[in-house]
Amino acid sequence: MAVLPLLAAASAPPTVEVSVTGLRSAKGQILVCLTTNPKAFPDCSKDRGSVRMAVKAADAGDFFVHAPAAGTYAIAVVHDENSNNKMDVAIFLPKEGFGFSRNPAITAGPPSFKSASFTVAGDMRQSIKMKYML
């Protein structure tokens, strides 16, 4: 009888524990995108298989994202300070904070999927540092 809970735990989808640091305020929410699709990164709206969620900014220090299965993923986060469910921009520069798994260097535009991707084979952790342009 004790075998059933162990089998259920072994077949559960992997969980990524995410820690977001460097928020300039606890206002609003963090929009989270977890995808395996390089063409849909960093905007998950083009990926039906992506995991999208919103986390209160005050709770962003530690939260969990459930990956659909093992694989190679990348995470993009936006600090949606005014809770309008999108990243606000001014003259092509983000007015709100953003960050990516593996904290790749940011030059012009978002990083590549490859530079932000990581392998999920079981439960793991990603620490993401927010960046603000304005």
N, C-alpha and C. Protein backbone atom coordinates (compact mmCIF):
# COMPACT_ATOMS: atom_id res chain seq x y z
N MET A 1 0.81 -1.20 0.00
CA MET A 1 0.00 0.00 0.00
C MET A 1 0.85 1.26 0.00
N ALA A 2 1.98 1.24 0.66
CA ALA A 2 2.84 2.42 0.70
C ALA A 2 3.47 2.73 -0.64
N VAL A 3 3.43 1.80 -1.59
CA VAL A 3 4.03 1.99 -2.91
C VAL A 3 3.24 3.00 -3.74
N LEU A 4 1.93 3.03 -3.62
CA LEU A 4 1.11 3.93 -4.42
C LEU A 4 1.49 5.40 -4.24
N PRO A 5 1.64 5.95 -3.04
CA PRO A 5 2.05 7.35 -2.93
C PRO A 5 3.42 7.61 -3.55
N LEU A 6 4.33 6.65 -3.46
CA LEU A 6 5.65 6.84 -4.06
C LEU A 6 5.55 6.89 -5.58
N LEU A 7 4.73 6.04 -6.18
CA LEU A 7 4.55 6.06 -7.63
C LEU A 7 3.89 7.35 -8.08
N ALA A 8 2.91 7.81 -7.35
CA ALA A 8 2.24 9.06 -7.70
C ALA A 8 3.22 10.22 -7.63
N ALA A 9 4.07 10.24 -6.63
CA ALA A 9 5.05 11.32 -6.50
C ALA A 9 6.07 11.26 -7.63
N ALA A 10 6.45 10.04 -8.05
CA ALA A 10 7.45 9.90 -9.10
C ALA A 10 6.91 10.36 -10.45
N SER A 11 5.60 10.24 -10.68
CA SER A 11 5.03 10.62 -11.97
C SER A 11 4.50 12.06 -11.98
N ALA A 12 4.59 12.76 -10.88
CA ALA A 12 4.12 14.15 -10.82
C ALA A 12 5.01 15.03 -11.70
N PRO A 13 4.42 16.05 -12.35
CA PRO A 13 5.25 16.95 -13.15
C PRO A 13 6.26 17.68 -12.29
N PRO A 14 7.41 18.04 -12.87
CA PRO A 14 8.43 18.73 -12.09
C PRO A 14 8.00 20.14 -11.69
N THR A 15 8.55 20.61 -10.60
CA THR A 15 8.26 21.94 -10.09
C THR A 15 9.53 22.77 -10.10
N VAL A 16 9.40 24.02 -10.56
CA VAL A 16 10.51 24.96 -10.52
C VAL A 16 10.20 25.99 -9.43
N GLU A 17 11.06 26.03 -8.42
CA GLU A 17 10.92 27.04 -7.38
C GLU A 17 11.61 28.29 -7.90
N VAL A 18 10.89 29.40 -7.92
CA VAL A 18 11.42 30.65 -8.47
C VAL A 18 11.54 31.69 -7.37
N SER A 19 12.67 32.36 -7.36
CA SER A 19 12.92 33.45 -6.43
C SER A 19 13.25 34.70 -7.27
N VAL A 20 12.45 35.75 -7.12
CA VAL A 20 12.68 37.00 -7.84
C VAL A 20 13.25 38.01 -6.87
N THR A 21 14.39 38.59 -7.22
CA THR A 21 15.03 39.59 -6.37
C THR A 21 15.17 40.91 -7.13
N GLY A 22 15.37 41.98 -6.39
CA GLY A 22 15.63 43.29 -7.00
C GLY A 22 14.39 44.05 -7.41
N LEU A 23 13.22 43.70 -6.87
CA LEU A 23 12.01 44.46 -7.18
C LEU A 23 12.14 45.86 -6.60
N ARG A 24 11.74 46.87 -7.36
CA ARG A 24 11.84 48.24 -6.83
C ARG A 24 10.65 48.61 -5.96
N SER A 25 9.59 47.79 -6.01
CA SER A 25 8.44 48.02 -5.14
C SER A 25 7.66 46.71 -5.02
N ALA A 26 6.75 46.68 -4.06
CA ALA A 26 5.88 45.51 -3.88
C ALA A 26 4.52 45.76 -4.53
N LYS A 27 4.44 46.78 -5.39
CA LYS A 27 3.19 47.10 -6.08
C LYS A 27 2.96 46.13 -7.22
N GLY A 28 1.70 45.85 -7.50
CA GLY A 28 1.34 45.10 -8.69
C GLY A 28 1.62 43.62 -8.60
N GLN A 29 1.99 43.06 -9.75
CA GLN A 29 2.16 41.63 -9.88
C GLN A 29 3.37 41.29 -10.75
N ILE A 30 3.77 40.04 -10.67
CA ILE A 30 4.83 39.52 -11.53
C ILE A 30 4.15 38.60 -12.54
N LEU A 31 4.29 38.91 -13.82
CA LEU A 31 3.77 38.06 -14.88
C LEU A 31 4.87 37.05 -15.22
N VAL A 32 4.53 35.79 -15.20
CA VAL A 32 5.51 34.71 -15.38
C VAL A 32 5.18 33.93 -16.64
N CYS A 33 6.20 33.63 -17.43
CA CYS A 33 6.07 32.84 -18.64
C CYS A 33 7.12 31.74 -18.59
N LEU A 34 6.69 30.48 -18.67
CA LEU A 34 7.58 29.32 -18.73
C LEU A 34 7.30 28.62 -20.05
N THR A 35 8.30 28.51 -20.92
CA THR A 35 8.07 27.91 -22.23
C THR A 35 9.23 27.01 -22.65
N THR A 36 8.91 26.06 -23.52
CA THR A 36 9.93 25.22 -24.15
C THR A 36 10.15 25.65 -25.60
N ASN A 37 9.38 26.61 -26.07
CA ASN A 37 9.38 27.01 -27.48
C ASN A 37 10.26 28.24 -27.70
N PRO A 38 11.42 28.07 -28.35
CA PRO A 38 12.30 29.23 -28.59
C PRO A 38 11.62 30.35 -29.37
N LYS A 39 10.69 30.01 -30.27
CA LYS A 39 10.00 31.04 -31.07
C LYS A 39 8.99 31.82 -30.25
N ALA A 40 8.58 31.28 -29.11
CA ALA A 40 7.59 31.94 -28.26
C ALA A 40 8.24 32.66 -27.08
N PHE A 41 9.56 32.72 -27.03
CA PHE A 41 10.26 33.36 -25.92
C PHE A 41 10.66 34.77 -26.32
N PRO A 42 10.45 35.77 -25.48
CA PRO A 42 9.95 35.73 -24.11
C PRO A 42 8.44 35.94 -23.99
N ASP A 43 7.72 36.05 -25.12
CA ASP A 43 6.28 36.30 -25.07
C ASP A 43 5.53 34.99 -25.24
N CYS A 44 5.03 34.44 -24.17
CA CYS A 44 4.36 33.14 -24.20
C CYS A 44 3.03 33.13 -24.93
N SER A 45 2.52 34.27 -25.34
CA SER A 45 1.19 34.30 -25.95
C SER A 45 1.14 33.49 -27.24
N LYS A 46 2.28 33.21 -27.84
CA LYS A 46 2.32 32.43 -29.08
C LYS A 46 2.51 30.94 -28.82
N ASP A 47 2.48 30.52 -27.57
CA ASP A 47 2.75 29.13 -27.22
C ASP A 47 1.62 28.59 -26.35
N ARG A 48 0.74 27.78 -26.94
CA ARG A 48 -0.38 27.22 -26.19
C ARG A 48 0.07 26.29 -25.08
N GLY A 49 1.26 25.70 -25.22
CA GLY A 49 1.77 24.77 -24.22
C GLY A 49 2.54 25.43 -23.10
N SER A 50 2.64 26.75 -23.14
CA SER A 50 3.40 27.46 -22.10
C SER A 50 2.62 27.52 -20.81
N VAL A 51 3.35 27.82 -19.74
CA VAL A 51 2.72 28.05 -18.44
C VAL A 51 2.79 29.55 -18.20
N ARG A 52 1.62 30.16 -18.05
CA ARG A 52 1.56 31.60 -17.76
C ARG A 52 0.82 31.78 -16.45
N MET A 53 1.34 32.66 -15.62
CA MET A 53 0.70 32.91 -14.34
C MET A 53 1.07 34.30 -13.84
N ALA A 54 0.32 34.78 -12.86
CA ALA A 54 0.61 36.05 -12.21
C ALA A 54 0.77 35.79 -10.72
N VAL A 55 1.77 36.42 -10.14
CA VAL A 55 2.07 36.28 -8.72
C VAL A 55 2.11 37.69 -8.14
N LYS A 56 1.48 37.89 -7.00
CA LYS A 56 1.56 39.21 -6.35
C LYS A 56 3.02 39.58 -6.15
N ALA A 57 3.37 40.81 -6.44
CA ALA A 57 4.76 41.25 -6.29
C ALA A 57 5.26 41.02 -4.87
N ALA A 58 4.39 41.19 -3.90
CA ALA A 58 4.77 40.99 -2.50
C ALA A 58 5.14 39.53 -2.21
N ASP A 59 4.68 38.60 -3.05
CA ASP A 59 4.95 37.17 -2.85
C ASP A 59 6.02 36.63 -3.79
N ALA A 60 6.68 37.49 -4.56
CA ALA A 60 7.61 37.05 -5.61
C ALA A 60 8.95 36.55 -5.09
N GLY A 61 9.22 36.71 -3.80
CA GLY A 61 10.48 36.23 -3.25
C GLY A 61 10.64 34.74 -3.34
N ASP A 62 9.53 34.01 -3.39
CA ASP A 62 9.59 32.56 -3.46
C ASP A 62 8.22 32.01 -3.87
N PHE A 63 8.14 31.43 -5.07
CA PHE A 63 6.90 30.82 -5.54
C PHE A 63 7.24 29.63 -6.43
N PHE A 64 6.23 28.87 -6.82
CA PHE A 64 6.44 27.64 -7.58
C PHE A 64 5.74 27.71 -8.93
N VAL A 65 6.41 27.19 -9.96
CA VAL A 65 5.84 27.04 -11.29
C VAL A 65 5.89 25.56 -11.61
N HIS A 66 4.78 24.99 -12.02
CA HIS A 66 4.72 23.56 -12.34
C HIS A 66 4.95 23.37 -13.83
N ALA A 67 6.07 22.77 -14.19
CA ALA A 67 6.38 22.48 -15.59
C ALA A 67 5.49 21.33 -16.05
N PRO A 68 5.01 21.36 -17.29
CA PRO A 68 4.16 20.27 -17.79
C PRO A 68 4.87 18.92 -17.81
N ALA A 69 6.16 18.92 -18.07
CA ALA A 69 6.94 17.68 -18.15
C ALA A 69 8.42 18.05 -18.09
N ALA A 70 9.27 17.05 -18.01
CA ALA A 70 10.71 17.30 -18.08
C ALA A 70 11.03 17.89 -19.46
N GLY A 71 12.08 18.69 -19.55
CA GLY A 71 12.46 19.28 -20.83
C GLY A 71 13.34 20.49 -20.63
N THR A 72 13.58 21.22 -21.72
CA THR A 72 14.38 22.44 -21.68
C THR A 72 13.43 23.63 -21.71
N TYR A 73 13.52 24.47 -20.70
CA TYR A 73 12.62 25.60 -20.53
C TYR A 73 13.39 26.90 -20.38
N ALA A 74 12.67 28.02 -20.57
CA ALA A 74 13.17 29.34 -20.22
C ALA A 74 12.03 30.08 -19.54
N ILE A 75 12.38 30.96 -18.61
CA ILE A 75 11.39 31.75 -17.89
C ILE A 75 11.63 33.23 -18.18
N ALA A 76 10.55 33.95 -18.44
CA ALA A 76 10.58 35.40 -18.54
C ALA A 76 9.60 35.94 -17.51
N VAL A 77 9.99 37.00 -16.80
CA VAL A 77 9.09 37.63 -15.84
C VAL A 77 9.03 39.14 -16.10
N VAL A 78 7.88 39.72 -15.83
CA VAL A 78 7.67 41.16 -15.95
C VAL A 78 7.07 41.66 -14.65
N HIS A 79 7.62 42.75 -14.11
CA HIS A 79 7.04 43.38 -12.92
C HIS A 79 5.96 44.35 -13.40
N ASP A 80 4.74 43.87 -13.46
CA ASP A 80 3.59 44.64 -13.91
C ASP A 80 3.09 45.49 -12.74
N GLU A 81 3.76 46.61 -12.54
CA GLU A 81 3.50 47.44 -11.35
C GLU A 81 2.09 48.01 -11.30
N ASN A 82 1.48 48.28 -12.47
CA ASN A 82 0.13 48.85 -12.47
C ASN A 82 -0.95 47.79 -12.72
N SER A 83 -0.58 46.52 -12.71
CA SER A 83 -1.51 45.39 -12.84
C SER A 83 -2.43 45.48 -14.06
N ASN A 84 -1.87 45.91 -15.21
CA ASN A 84 -2.67 45.94 -16.43
C ASN A 84 -2.40 44.74 -17.34
N ASN A 85 -1.69 43.75 -16.82
CA ASN A 85 -1.41 42.48 -17.50
C ASN A 85 -0.57 42.60 -18.76
N LYS A 86 0.30 43.63 -18.83
CA LYS A 86 1.22 43.76 -19.95
C LYS A 86 2.42 44.59 -19.51
N MET A 87 3.50 44.52 -20.32
CA MET A 87 4.67 45.35 -20.04
C MET A 87 4.45 46.71 -20.72
N ASP A 88 4.49 47.77 -19.95
CA ASP A 88 4.36 49.11 -20.49
C ASP A 88 5.71 49.58 -21.02
N VAL A 89 5.69 50.27 -22.17
CA VAL A 89 6.92 50.77 -22.78
C VAL A 89 6.79 52.26 -23.06
N ALA A 90 7.94 52.92 -23.14
CA ALA A 90 8.02 54.33 -23.52
C ALA A 90 9.19 54.47 -24.48
N ILE A 91 8.90 54.89 -25.68
CA ILE A 91 9.93 55.05 -26.72
C ILE A 91 10.77 53.78 -26.83
N PHE A 92 10.11 52.65 -26.96
CA PHE A 92 10.73 51.33 -27.15
C PHE A 92 11.49 50.79 -25.95
N LEU A 93 11.48 51.50 -24.83
CA LEU A 93 12.13 51.01 -23.61
C LEU A 93 11.07 50.57 -22.61
N PRO A 94 11.28 49.45 -21.95
CA PRO A 94 10.33 49.00 -20.93
C PRO A 94 10.27 49.98 -19.76
N LYS A 95 9.05 50.36 -19.36
CA LYS A 95 8.86 51.20 -18.18
C LYS A 95 8.79 50.36 -16.92
N GLU A 96 8.57 49.05 -17.09
CA GLU A 96 8.45 48.15 -15.95
C GLU A 96 9.61 47.16 -15.98
N GLY A 97 9.86 46.55 -14.84
CA GLY A 97 10.99 45.64 -14.71
C GLY A 97 10.76 44.30 -15.41
N PHE A 98 11.86 43.62 -15.70
CA PHE A 98 11.81 42.32 -16.35
C PHE A 98 12.99 41.49 -15.90
N GLY A 99 12.92 40.21 -16.14
CA GLY A 99 14.03 39.32 -15.80
C GLY A 99 13.85 37.99 -16.50
N PHE A 100 14.93 37.20 -16.50
CA PHE A 100 14.94 35.94 -17.22
C PHE A 100 15.67 34.88 -16.41
N SER A 101 15.30 33.63 -16.63
CA SER A 101 16.02 32.53 -16.01
C SER A 101 17.48 32.59 -16.43
N ARG A 102 18.35 32.17 -15.56
CA ARG A 102 19.81 32.17 -15.74
C ARG A 102 20.41 33.57 -15.81
N ASN A 103 19.59 34.63 -15.70
CA ASN A 103 20.05 36.03 -15.65
C ASN A 103 21.07 36.36 -16.74
N PRO A 104 20.72 36.15 -18.03
CA PRO A 104 21.67 36.47 -19.10
C PRO A 104 21.90 37.98 -19.22
N ALA A 105 23.02 38.35 -19.81
CA ALA A 105 23.31 39.77 -20.05
C ALA A 105 22.28 40.33 -21.02
N ILE A 106 21.83 41.55 -20.76
CA ILE A 106 20.85 42.21 -21.62
C ILE A 106 21.55 43.31 -22.39
N THR A 107 21.46 43.24 -23.72
CA THR A 107 22.02 44.30 -24.56
C THR A 107 20.83 44.99 -25.24
N ALA A 108 20.70 44.84 -26.54
CA ALA A 108 19.55 45.41 -27.24
C ALA A 108 18.52 44.31 -27.43
N GLY A 109 17.37 44.46 -26.83
CA GLY A 109 16.32 43.46 -26.95
C GLY A 109 16.47 42.34 -25.95
N PRO A 110 15.50 41.42 -25.98
CA PRO A 110 15.53 40.31 -25.03
C PRO A 110 16.64 39.32 -25.36
N PRO A 111 17.04 38.52 -24.39
CA PRO A 111 18.07 37.51 -24.64
C PRO A 111 17.52 36.37 -25.49
N SER A 112 18.40 35.55 -26.00
CA SER A 112 17.96 34.38 -26.77
C SER A 112 17.39 33.33 -25.82
N PHE A 113 16.58 32.45 -26.36
CA PHE A 113 16.06 31.33 -25.59
C PHE A 113 17.22 30.50 -25.04
N LYS A 114 18.21 30.28 -25.88
CA LYS A 114 19.36 29.47 -25.48
C LYS A 114 20.07 30.04 -24.26
N SER A 115 20.24 31.36 -24.20
CA SER A 115 20.97 31.96 -23.08
C SER A 115 20.17 31.95 -21.78
N ALA A 116 18.84 31.79 -21.88
CA ALA A 116 18.00 31.76 -20.68
C ALA A 116 17.49 30.36 -20.35
N SER A 117 17.78 29.39 -21.20
CA SER A 117 17.19 28.06 -21.01
C SER A 117 17.95 27.22 -20.00
N PHE A 118 17.21 26.27 -19.42
CA PHE A 118 17.75 25.35 -18.43
C PHE A 118 16.98 24.04 -18.55
N THR A 119 17.58 22.97 -18.11
CA THR A 119 16.95 21.65 -18.19
C THR A 119 16.21 21.34 -16.91
N VAL A 120 14.98 20.90 -17.08
CA VAL A 120 14.16 20.47 -15.95
C VAL A 120 13.98 18.96 -16.07
N ALA A 121 14.54 18.24 -15.11
CA ALA A 121 14.40 16.78 -15.08
C ALA A 121 13.67 16.37 -13.80
N GLY A 122 13.60 17.26 -12.85
CA GLY A 122 12.94 17.04 -11.57
C GLY A 122 12.78 18.40 -10.93
N ASP A 123 12.37 18.43 -9.68
CA ASP A 123 12.21 19.70 -8.99
C ASP A 123 13.55 20.44 -8.95
N MET A 124 13.49 21.75 -9.19
CA MET A 124 14.71 22.56 -9.19
C MET A 124 14.39 24.00 -8.80
N ARG A 125 15.41 24.86 -8.83
CA ARG A 125 15.27 26.25 -8.39
C ARG A 125 15.91 27.19 -9.40
N GLN A 126 15.29 28.35 -9.62
CA GLN A 126 15.84 29.42 -10.45
C GLN A 126 15.71 30.73 -9.67
N SER A 127 16.78 31.48 -9.64
CA SER A 127 16.77 32.80 -9.01
C SER A 127 16.87 33.84 -10.13
N ILE A 128 15.92 34.75 -10.18
CA ILE A 128 15.86 35.74 -11.26
C ILE A 128 16.01 37.13 -10.67
N LYS A 129 16.96 37.90 -11.21
CA LYS A 129 17.20 39.27 -10.76
C LYS A 129 16.50 40.23 -11.71
N MET A 130 15.66 41.10 -11.17
CA MET A 130 14.92 42.06 -11.99
C MET A 130 15.85 43.15 -12.51
N LYS A 131 15.51 43.66 -13.70
CA LYS A 131 16.23 44.77 -14.32
C LYS A 131 15.21 45.85 -14.66
N TYR A 132 15.61 47.09 -14.48
CA TYR A 132 14.73 48.22 -14.82
C TYR A 132 15.51 49.16 -15.73
N MET A 133 14.88 49.57 -16.84
CA MET A 133 15.51 50.47 -17.81
C MET A 133 15.18 51.93 -17.49
N LEU A 134 13.97 52.19 -17.01
CA LEU A 134 13.53 53.56 -16.70
C LEU A 134 13.14 53.67 -15.25
